[in-house]
């Protein structure tokens, strides 16, 4: 006797994928993306950049290393749910402190297993990231017509400001460095670390840790902080974090602030959403991508050195390189599709990248960007 499916994924075009539910029960509407990383499912689930998205993992072994609190990128999971091919198995890793299914149930996140993720990934690549409804009901009762209507009625990420939802509510100090084998999370060893204000549009913890490890004393401010509030901390540098949603929507309040900072000749470093909003502040435009870039194996070329870096990415919007003003130099491009992956301002210590140089978990090819940021602050001290 066939087992009744306990979860289903409904696309706005009416396509239905049935499977076995795990984690929390209920229903959620979101954008569906796929991620090609072979490790880091916990970091992906807790990355604030995945707000209002369901993640399909192309790698089938999800859950096999368990869950550990040290790997959370935020206090709680932010991704709406996950889609996997094989049901999560019991963990087999010395760092594991729990199982993925239990963790998702406690944290209110839905999962579906037993799905043909290859077919689903092909559909996303060919048709773009669809709007979906993901549901988990142990009794297997689903109102498909209502779910399809809900997916079709959802407005999507274009024009949606999610940074305010995932940003911190008030400022705080961050002094925890990167994780080291046998030692855990370290501290800044600089005698006089560089004062950095980080704008939190959905910052990953490992970005803040990377800043500290490379010599920064980090104060984190909410996404809506003004230029006056930033400058009140007398920073030697300003960091613009990653985050979710439409950069143009977040930019309505962040871009004017960034423009004021650009007039101060401060070193500025942006990642992901921070990169996009820096570009907007400089006069460029951003565009919604068909299915975005999500994974830990994306090749990027440094136009100024010719070096190719393997990078970690998570974004559904991109900077339109054709809209960059003359004083802004395109430093990095994707070798998958030629989209913009980095800029710098000529004759100013201002630069940003679309990808994630902290890459937790790896690769570590782009960690030099944190050193470049700290070196730009060091030069100003001389």
Protein backbone atom coordinates (compact mmCIF):
# COMPACT_ATOMS: atom_id res chain seq x y z
CA UNK A 1 0.00 0.00 0.00
CA UNK A 2 1.43 3.36 -1.06
CA UNK A 3 2.30 5.81 1.66
CA UNK A 4 0.32 9.03 1.50
CA UNK A 5 2.59 12.08 0.92
CA UNK A 6 2.88 14.34 3.95
CA UNK A 7 4.30 17.39 2.14
CA UNK A 8 3.93 19.11 -1.18
CA UNK A 9 5.58 21.91 -3.11
CA UNK A 10 3.25 23.85 -5.41
CA UNK A 11 4.60 26.17 -8.11
CA UNK A 12 2.67 29.16 -9.40
CA UNK A 13 2.32 27.50 -12.83
CA UNK A 14 0.38 24.66 -11.19
CA UNK A 15 3.18 22.09 -11.04
CA UNK A 16 3.02 19.98 -7.87
CA UNK A 17 5.84 17.99 -6.24
CA UNK A 18 4.84 15.55 -3.51
CA UNK A 19 7.16 14.21 -0.83
CA UNK A 20 7.72 13.45 2.82
CA UNK A 21 7.53 16.33 5.25
CA UNK A 22 9.93 16.97 8.11
CA UNK A 23 10.57 19.82 10.51
CA UNK A 24 7.67 22.12 11.32
CA UNK A 25 4.15 21.67 9.99
CA UNK A 26 2.19 24.36 8.20
CA UNK A 27 2.42 26.30 4.97
CA UNK A 28 4.67 29.06 3.62
CA UNK A 29 4.82 31.12 0.41
CA UNK A 30 8.23 32.15 -0.95
CA UNK A 31 10.56 32.29 -3.94
CA UNK A 32 12.20 28.97 -4.83
CA UNK A 33 15.96 28.86 -5.51
CA UNK A 34 18.52 26.09 -5.77
CA UNK A 35 21.90 25.91 -4.03
CA UNK A 36 24.78 23.78 -5.35
CA UNK A 37 26.92 23.72 -2.19
CA UNK A 38 27.93 20.29 -0.88
CA UNK A 39 28.37 21.53 2.71
CA UNK A 40 26.93 24.24 4.93
CA UNK A 41 23.19 23.57 4.95
CA UNK A 42 22.92 25.00 8.47
CA UNK A 43 24.79 28.16 7.51
CA UNK A 44 22.53 28.48 4.47
CA UNK A 45 19.36 28.08 6.53
CA UNK A 46 20.51 30.77 8.98
CA UNK A 47 21.88 33.20 6.37
CA UNK A 48 19.59 36.27 6.53
CA UNK A 49 20.03 36.74 2.77
CA UNK A 50 17.64 33.80 2.27
CA UNK A 51 14.64 35.57 3.79
CA UNK A 52 11.41 34.72 1.92
CA UNK A 53 13.11 31.93 -0.03
CA UNK A 54 12.78 28.15 -0.07
CA UNK A 55 16.09 26.44 -0.88
CA UNK A 56 16.40 23.36 -3.08
CA UNK A 57 19.68 21.56 -2.43
CA UNK A 58 21.20 19.90 -5.49
CA UNK A 59 23.49 17.84 -3.23
CA UNK A 60 21.45 14.87 -1.97
CA UNK A 61 23.09 14.28 1.43
CA UNK A 62 21.52 16.98 3.59
CA UNK A 63 21.49 16.49 7.36
CA UNK A 64 24.29 13.94 7.54
CA UNK A 65 26.59 16.15 9.64
CA UNK A 66 23.89 17.16 12.09
CA UNK A 67 23.53 20.55 13.71
CA UNK A 68 25.88 22.53 15.94
CA UNK A 69 25.18 25.96 17.49
CA UNK A 70 28.63 27.17 16.39
CA UNK A 71 27.53 27.08 12.74
CA UNK A 72 24.54 29.40 13.02
CA UNK A 73 24.94 32.58 10.96
CA UNK A 74 22.04 34.24 12.81
CA UNK A 75 20.12 33.57 15.97
CA UNK A 76 17.35 31.74 14.10
CA UNK A 77 16.86 30.17 10.66
CA UNK A 78 15.77 32.71 8.07
CA UNK A 79 15.16 30.62 4.94
CA UNK A 80 11.47 29.68 4.74
CA UNK A 81 12.12 26.01 4.09
CA UNK A 82 14.20 23.43 2.23
CA UNK A 83 13.70 20.83 -0.49
CA UNK A 84 15.91 17.71 -0.55
CA UNK A 85 16.19 14.56 -2.61
CA UNK A 86 16.88 12.07 0.17
CA UNK A 87 15.32 12.35 3.59
CA UNK A 88 17.80 13.68 6.20
CA UNK A 89 19.66 10.82 7.87
CA UNK A 90 21.00 10.44 11.39
CA UNK A 91 24.10 12.64 11.80
CA UNK A 92 27.62 11.25 11.70
CA UNK A 93 30.02 13.99 12.76
CA UNK A 94 32.00 14.63 15.93
CA UNK A 95 30.73 18.24 16.16
CA UNK A 96 27.04 17.33 15.90
CA UNK A 97 24.84 18.42 18.78
CA UNK A 98 21.49 17.48 17.25
CA UNK A 99 19.56 16.39 14.17
CA UNK A 100 18.43 18.64 11.34
CA UNK A 101 14.78 17.53 11.45
CA UNK A 102 14.46 18.22 15.18
CA UNK A 103 16.23 21.56 14.81
CA UNK A 104 13.88 22.64 12.01
CA UNK A 105 10.81 21.60 13.98
CA UNK A 106 11.94 23.62 17.01
CA UNK A 107 12.76 26.62 14.82
CA UNK A 108 9.53 26.55 12.82
CA UNK A 109 10.96 25.71 9.40
CA UNK A 110 9.42 23.30 6.88
CA UNK A 111 11.27 20.63 4.90
CA UNK A 112 10.23 18.23 2.15
CA UNK A 113 12.18 15.12 1.15
CA UNK A 114 11.84 12.55 -1.61
CA UNK A 115 11.68 15.19 -4.36
CA UNK A 116 13.27 14.89 -7.80
CA UNK A 117 15.58 17.85 -7.20
CA UNK A 118 17.30 17.45 -10.59
CA UNK A 119 13.99 18.00 -12.38
CA UNK A 120 13.15 20.88 -10.05
CA UNK A 121 16.55 22.52 -10.59
CA UNK A 122 16.20 22.26 -14.38
CA UNK A 123 12.81 23.95 -14.14
CA UNK A 124 14.29 26.83 -12.10
CA UNK A 125 17.19 27.25 -14.55
CA UNK A 126 14.92 27.26 -17.59
CA UNK A 127 11.97 29.27 -16.26
CA UNK A 128 13.49 31.42 -13.51
CA UNK A 129 12.97 31.30 -9.75
CA UNK A 130 9.24 30.58 -9.29
CA UNK A 131 6.87 31.63 -6.56
CA UNK A 132 5.85 28.57 -4.55
CA UNK A 133 3.91 27.33 -1.58
CA UNK A 134 5.54 24.66 0.57
CA UNK A 135 3.26 22.72 2.93
CA UNK A 136 3.74 19.97 5.51
CA UNK A 137 0.71 18.15 6.92
CA UNK A 138 1.15 14.76 8.65
CA UNK A 139 -2.36 13.81 7.49
CA UNK A 140 -1.57 14.68 3.88
CA UNK A 141 -4.52 17.04 3.42
CA UNK A 142 -3.69 19.77 0.89
CA UNK A 143 -5.95 22.31 -0.81
CA UNK A 144 -4.01 22.47 -4.07
CA UNK A 145 -6.21 25.08 -5.75
CA UNK A 146 -5.84 27.45 -2.80
CA UNK A 147 -2.08 26.85 -2.69
CA UNK A 148 -1.68 27.57 -6.40
CA UNK A 149 -3.72 30.75 -6.03
CA UNK A 150 -1.59 31.85 -3.08
CA UNK A 151 1.62 31.26 -5.04
CA UNK A 152 0.27 33.24 -8.02
CA UNK A 153 -0.93 36.11 -5.84
CA UNK A 154 2.39 36.54 -3.99
CA UNK A 155 4.11 39.71 -5.21
CA UNK A 156 7.66 38.31 -4.93
CA UNK A 157 10.95 39.95 -4.01
CA UNK A 158 10.96 42.82 -6.52
CA UNK A 159 10.27 46.02 -4.60
CA UNK A 160 10.45 44.18 -1.27
CA UNK A 161 12.60 45.61 1.54
CA UNK A 162 13.52 42.71 3.83
CA UNK A 163 16.63 44.22 5.40
CA UNK A 164 14.58 45.96 8.10
CA UNK A 165 13.07 42.60 9.07
CA UNK A 166 16.39 40.80 9.58
CA UNK A 167 18.53 43.70 10.83
CA UNK A 168 19.40 44.18 14.49
CA UNK A 169 17.04 46.41 16.50
CA UNK A 170 19.84 48.34 18.21
CA UNK A 171 23.59 48.77 17.97
CA UNK A 172 26.02 46.32 19.55
CA UNK A 173 29.73 45.57 19.76
CA UNK A 174 31.19 42.45 18.09
CA UNK A 175 34.59 41.11 19.17
CA UNK A 176 34.46 37.41 18.25
CA UNK A 177 36.96 36.23 15.64
CA UNK A 178 37.01 33.28 13.26
CA UNK A 179 36.84 29.67 14.44
CA UNK A 180 40.16 27.87 14.83
CA UNK A 181 40.70 24.13 15.19
CA UNK A 182 41.02 23.21 18.85
CA UNK A 183 40.51 26.80 20.01
CA UNK A 184 37.01 27.83 18.98
CA UNK A 185 36.21 31.44 18.16
CA UNK A 186 39.19 33.73 18.62
CA UNK A 187 39.65 37.39 19.44
CA UNK A 188 41.30 40.37 17.79
CA UNK A 189 45.03 40.31 18.55
CA UNK A 190 45.79 43.80 17.24
CA UNK A 191 47.17 46.17 19.88
CA UNK A 192 45.10 48.98 18.41
CA UNK A 193 42.38 47.53 16.20
CA UNK A 194 40.73 49.62 13.52
CA UNK A 195 37.34 51.07 14.43
CA UNK A 196 34.77 49.79 11.94
CA UNK A 197 31.05 50.48 11.79
CA UNK A 198 29.16 47.63 10.13
CA UNK A 199 25.70 48.38 8.74
CA UNK A 200 23.53 45.33 9.36
CA UNK A 201 21.29 44.62 6.36
CA UNK A 202 21.28 40.94 7.32
CA UNK A 203 24.91 40.38 8.30
CA UNK A 204 26.28 36.86 8.63
CA UNK A 205 28.20 36.25 11.83
CA UNK A 206 31.20 34.90 9.97
CA UNK A 207 31.58 38.16 8.06
CA UNK A 208 31.82 40.01 11.37
CA UNK A 209 34.25 37.36 12.63
CA UNK A 210 36.42 37.79 9.54
CA UNK A 211 36.55 41.56 10.09
CA UNK A 212 37.66 41.03 13.70
CA UNK A 213 40.25 38.41 12.76
CA UNK A 214 41.83 40.80 10.27
CA UNK A 215 42.13 43.67 12.75
CA UNK A 216 38.78 45.41 13.13
CA UNK A 217 36.97 46.55 16.27
CA UNK A 218 33.39 46.20 15.04
CA UNK A 219 30.32 48.17 16.07
CA UNK A 220 27.15 46.98 14.35
CA UNK A 221 24.37 49.45 13.57
CA UNK A 222 20.81 48.78 12.31
CA UNK A 223 20.01 49.00 8.62
CA UNK A 224 18.22 52.32 9.05
CA UNK A 225 21.16 54.09 10.73
CA UNK A 226 21.84 57.60 9.41
CA UNK A 227 25.18 58.98 8.32
CA UNK A 228 25.24 61.10 11.48
CA UNK A 229 24.79 58.01 13.62
CA UNK A 230 27.56 56.21 11.75
CA UNK A 231 29.99 59.13 12.01
CA UNK A 232 29.21 59.60 15.71
CA UNK A 233 31.26 56.44 16.33
CA UNK A 234 34.27 58.05 14.60
CA UNK A 235 34.92 55.01 12.40
CA UNK A 236 38.12 54.44 10.48
CA UNK A 237 36.16 52.35 8.02
CA UNK A 238 32.56 51.42 7.16
CA UNK A 239 31.32 47.97 6.19
CA UNK A 240 28.07 47.37 4.25
CA UNK A 241 26.74 43.87 4.91
CA UNK A 242 24.91 41.26 2.92
CA UNK A 243 21.14 40.95 3.18
CA UNK A 244 17.87 39.91 1.50
CA UNK A 245 15.30 41.56 -0.74
CA UNK A 246 15.40 44.14 -3.49
CA UNK A 247 18.43 46.46 -3.17
CA UNK A 248 16.49 49.32 -4.75
CA UNK A 249 13.86 49.05 -2.00
CA UNK A 250 16.42 48.94 0.80
CA UNK A 251 18.34 51.66 -0.98
CA UNK A 252 15.52 54.15 -0.49
CA UNK A 253 16.95 54.88 2.96
CA UNK A 254 20.43 53.32 2.75
CA UNK A 255 21.66 54.91 -0.48
CA UNK A 256 21.40 58.55 0.71
CA UNK A 257 23.32 57.56 3.84
CA UNK A 258 26.05 55.85 1.79
CA UNK A 259 26.34 58.92 -0.48
CA UNK A 260 27.03 61.09 2.56
CA UNK A 261 29.74 58.70 3.69
CA UNK A 262 31.33 58.74 0.23
CA UNK A 263 31.94 62.46 0.69
CA UNK A 264 34.00 61.74 3.83
CA UNK A 265 36.75 59.78 2.05
CA UNK A 266 36.36 56.88 4.48
CA UNK A 267 37.37 53.35 3.46
CA UNK A 268 34.16 51.50 2.57
CA UNK A 269 33.78 47.77 1.92
CA UNK A 270 30.55 46.11 0.80
CA UNK A 271 29.45 42.50 0.34
CA UNK A 272 26.38 41.17 -1.55
CA UNK A 273 23.48 43.54 -0.80
CA UNK A 274 26.05 46.04 0.50
CA UNK A 275 27.78 45.81 -2.88
CA UNK A 276 24.54 46.47 -4.71
CA UNK A 277 23.64 49.48 -2.57
CA UNK A 278 27.12 50.96 -2.89
CA UNK A 279 26.69 50.69 -6.67
CA UNK A 280 23.31 52.41 -6.42
CA UNK A 281 24.85 55.19 -4.34
CA UNK A 282 27.49 55.66 -7.03
CA UNK A 283 24.84 56.05 -9.74
CA UNK A 284 24.50 52.51 -11.12
CA UNK A 285 21.40 50.34 -11.33
CA UNK A 286 20.46 46.84 -10.19
CA UNK A 287 18.42 44.17 -11.96
CA UNK A 288 16.52 41.04 -10.92
CA UNK A 289 18.24 37.87 -12.14
CA UNK A 290 16.39 34.93 -13.65
CA UNK A 291 17.39 32.38 -11.00
CA UNK A 292 20.30 34.07 -9.25
CA UNK A 293 23.56 32.60 -8.00
CA UNK A 294 23.49 30.30 -4.98
CA UNK A 295 26.35 27.95 -4.15
CA UNK A 296 29.94 27.54 -2.99
CA UNK A 297 31.58 26.77 -6.34
CA UNK A 298 31.13 29.89 -8.48
CA UNK A 299 34.15 30.98 -10.55
CA UNK A 300 34.89 34.71 -10.58
CA UNK A 301 37.65 36.49 -12.52
CA UNK A 302 39.56 39.39 -11.03
CA UNK A 303 39.83 41.70 -14.05
CA UNK A 304 42.82 43.54 -12.60
CA UNK A 305 45.02 40.51 -11.90
CA UNK A 306 43.55 37.84 -14.17
CA UNK A 307 43.21 35.53 -11.17
CA UNK A 308 40.20 33.21 -11.01
CA UNK A 309 38.64 32.70 -7.59
CA UNK A 310 36.17 29.99 -6.58
CA UNK A 311 33.57 31.79 -4.49
CA UNK A 312 30.48 31.37 -2.36
CA UNK A 313 27.42 33.23 -3.65
CA UNK A 314 23.86 33.95 -2.66
CA UNK A 315 22.01 36.64 -4.58
CA UNK A 316 19.01 37.08 -6.84
CA UNK A 317 19.76 40.67 -7.90
CA UNK A 318 22.87 42.00 -9.64
CA UNK A 319 24.53 45.29 -10.48
CA UNK A 320 24.04 46.29 -14.12
CA UNK A 321 27.64 46.73 -15.27
CA UNK A 322 26.51 48.81 -18.25
CA UNK A 323 25.17 51.44 -15.84
CA UNK A 324 28.43 51.96 -13.91
CA UNK A 325 29.70 55.55 -14.12
CA UNK A 326 33.17 56.26 -15.52
CA UNK A 327 34.87 56.65 -12.14
CA UNK A 328 33.71 53.19 -11.04
CA UNK A 329 35.87 50.28 -12.20
CA UNK A 330 34.44 46.79 -12.66
CA UNK A 331 36.95 44.59 -10.82
CA UNK A 332 35.31 41.15 -10.86
CA UNK A 333 32.96 39.24 -13.16
CA UNK A 334 31.21 35.88 -13.00
CA UNK A 335 32.63 33.27 -15.35
CA UNK A 336 29.23 31.58 -15.44
CA UNK A 337 27.30 34.42 -17.05
CA UNK A 338 29.53 37.51 -17.14
CA UNK A 339 27.47 39.36 -14.53
CA UNK A 340 29.11 41.97 -12.32
CA UNK A 341 30.80 40.63 -9.18
CA UNK A 342 32.91 43.55 -7.95
CA UNK A 343 33.64 47.27 -8.23
CA UNK A 344 35.99 49.90 -6.86
CA UNK A 345 36.06 53.66 -7.04
CA UNK A 346 39.08 55.15 -8.78
CA UNK A 347 41.33 57.10 -6.38
CA UNK A 348 39.20 56.23 -3.33
CA UNK A 349 39.48 53.40 -0.75
CA UNK A 350 35.99 52.20 -1.67
CA UNK A 351 35.25 48.75 -3.08
CA UNK A 352 32.73 45.91 -2.91
CA UNK A 353 32.02 42.42 -4.18
CA UNK A 354 28.86 40.50 -4.99
CA UNK A 355 30.08 37.21 -3.54
CA UNK A 356 30.97 36.13 0.02
CA UNK A 357 34.71 36.23 0.76
CA UNK A 358 34.17 34.95 4.32
CA UNK A 359 32.73 31.77 2.73
CA UNK A 360 31.79 29.85 5.83
CA UNK A 361 32.09 27.06 4.92
CA UNK A 362 34.83 27.66 2.26
CA UNK A 363 36.28 28.28 -0.20
CA UNK A 364 38.78 30.79 1.18
CA UNK A 365 40.10 32.17 -2.14
CA UNK A 366 38.79 35.70 -1.53
CA UNK A 367 39.79 36.26 2.10
CA UNK A 368 42.35 38.82 0.88
CA UNK A 369 39.53 41.34 0.55
CA UNK A 370 39.32 41.69 4.33
CA UNK A 371 43.06 42.37 4.42
CA UNK A 372 42.61 44.95 1.66
CA UNK A 373 39.96 46.73 3.71
CA UNK A 374 42.15 46.79 6.84
CA UNK A 375 45.18 47.90 4.81
CA UNK A 376 43.18 50.84 3.45
CA UNK A 377 42.47 51.93 7.05
CA UNK A 378 46.11 51.40 8.01
CA UNK A 379 47.25 53.74 5.22
CA UNK A 380 45.01 56.50 6.57
CA UNK A 381 46.73 56.28 9.96
CA UNK A 382 50.12 57.04 8.47
